[in-house]
Amino acid sequence: MMKKELKELIIAMKMMFEAKTVNLDIETKIDKIRLKDFIKHAEREGLNMSEENHPSWPDDFEEDWE
């Protein structure tokens, strides 16, 4: 009896991990789409989010505190 229950528990855990993996994959895809949409919207509103244009204020800020 105990052997059968343990086997069922292992199968259920395996199914849970597989479902969680699929869920995480889908959430990652949704988050990437949301990020692209946010960047597009922010740039349309005048906020440049590209990685090429780093603002200089962090360096200036750090120099002020030294």
Protein backbone atom coordinates (compact mmCIF):
# COMPACT_ATOMS: atom_id res chain seq x y z
CA MET A 1 0.00 0.00 0.00
CA MET A 2 2.71 2.46 0.97
CA LYS A 3 4.65 1.70 -2.21
CA LYS A 4 1.64 2.51 -4.41
CA GLU A 5 1.00 5.83 -2.61
CA LEU A 6 4.66 6.82 -2.87
CA LYS A 7 4.64 6.06 -6.60
CA GLU A 8 1.51 8.19 -7.08
CA LEU A 9 3.08 11.02 -5.08
CA ILE A 10 6.21 10.97 -7.23
CA ILE A 11 4.11 11.02 -10.41
CA ALA A 12 2.03 13.92 -9.08
CA MET A 13 5.16 15.89 -8.15
CA LYS A 14 6.63 15.28 -11.61
CA MET A 15 3.42 16.56 -13.23
CA MET A 16 3.45 19.62 -10.96
CA PHE A 17 7.05 20.47 -11.91
CA GLU A 18 6.27 20.08 -15.61
CA ALA A 19 3.23 22.35 -15.31
CA LYS A 20 5.23 24.94 -13.37
CA THR A 21 7.95 24.89 -16.03
CA VAL A 22 5.42 25.51 -18.80
CA ASN A 23 3.85 28.28 -16.70
CA LEU A 24 7.22 29.99 -16.21
CA ASP A 25 7.96 29.79 -19.94
CA ILE A 26 4.65 31.45 -20.76
CA GLU A 27 5.12 34.13 -18.10
CA THR A 28 8.58 34.90 -19.49
CA LYS A 29 7.17 35.31 -23.00
CA ILE A 30 4.39 37.59 -21.71
CA ASP A 31 6.90 39.68 -19.75
CA LYS A 32 9.08 40.12 -22.86
CA ILE A 33 6.06 41.29 -24.85
CA ARG A 34 5.08 43.71 -22.07
CA LEU A 35 8.62 45.10 -21.92
CA LYS A 36 8.72 45.68 -25.68
CA ASP A 37 5.33 47.40 -25.47
CA PHE A 38 6.48 49.57 -22.56
CA ILE A 39 9.66 50.61 -24.37
CA LYS A 40 7.70 51.44 -27.51
CA HIS A 41 5.20 53.50 -25.52
CA ALA A 42 7.94 55.26 -23.49
CA GLU A 43 9.91 56.20 -26.61
CA ARG A 44 6.73 57.49 -28.25
CA GLU A 45 6.23 59.74 -25.20
CA GLY A 46 9.80 61.06 -25.49
CA LEU A 47 11.67 58.84 -23.03
CA ASN A 48 14.60 57.17 -24.81
CA MET A 49 15.06 53.63 -23.45
CA SER A 50 17.75 52.41 -25.83
CA GLU A 51 20.91 50.92 -24.33
CA GLU A 52 23.12 53.07 -26.56
CA ASN A 53 22.26 56.31 -24.77
CA HIS A 54 23.34 55.96 -21.16
CA PRO A 55 22.62 59.03 -19.06
CA SER A 56 25.66 60.73 -17.58
CA TRP A 57 24.02 61.64 -14.27
CA PRO A 58 25.12 58.54 -12.29
CA ASP A 59 28.79 59.38 -12.90
CA ASP A 60 28.23 63.03 -12.05
CA PHE A 61 26.28 62.05 -8.95
CA GLU A 62 29.01 59.68 -7.75
CA GLU A 63 31.71 62.33 -8.29
CA ASP A 64 29.78 64.80 -6.15
CA TRP A 65 29.78 62.38 -3.22
CA GLU A 66 33.49 61.53 -3.37
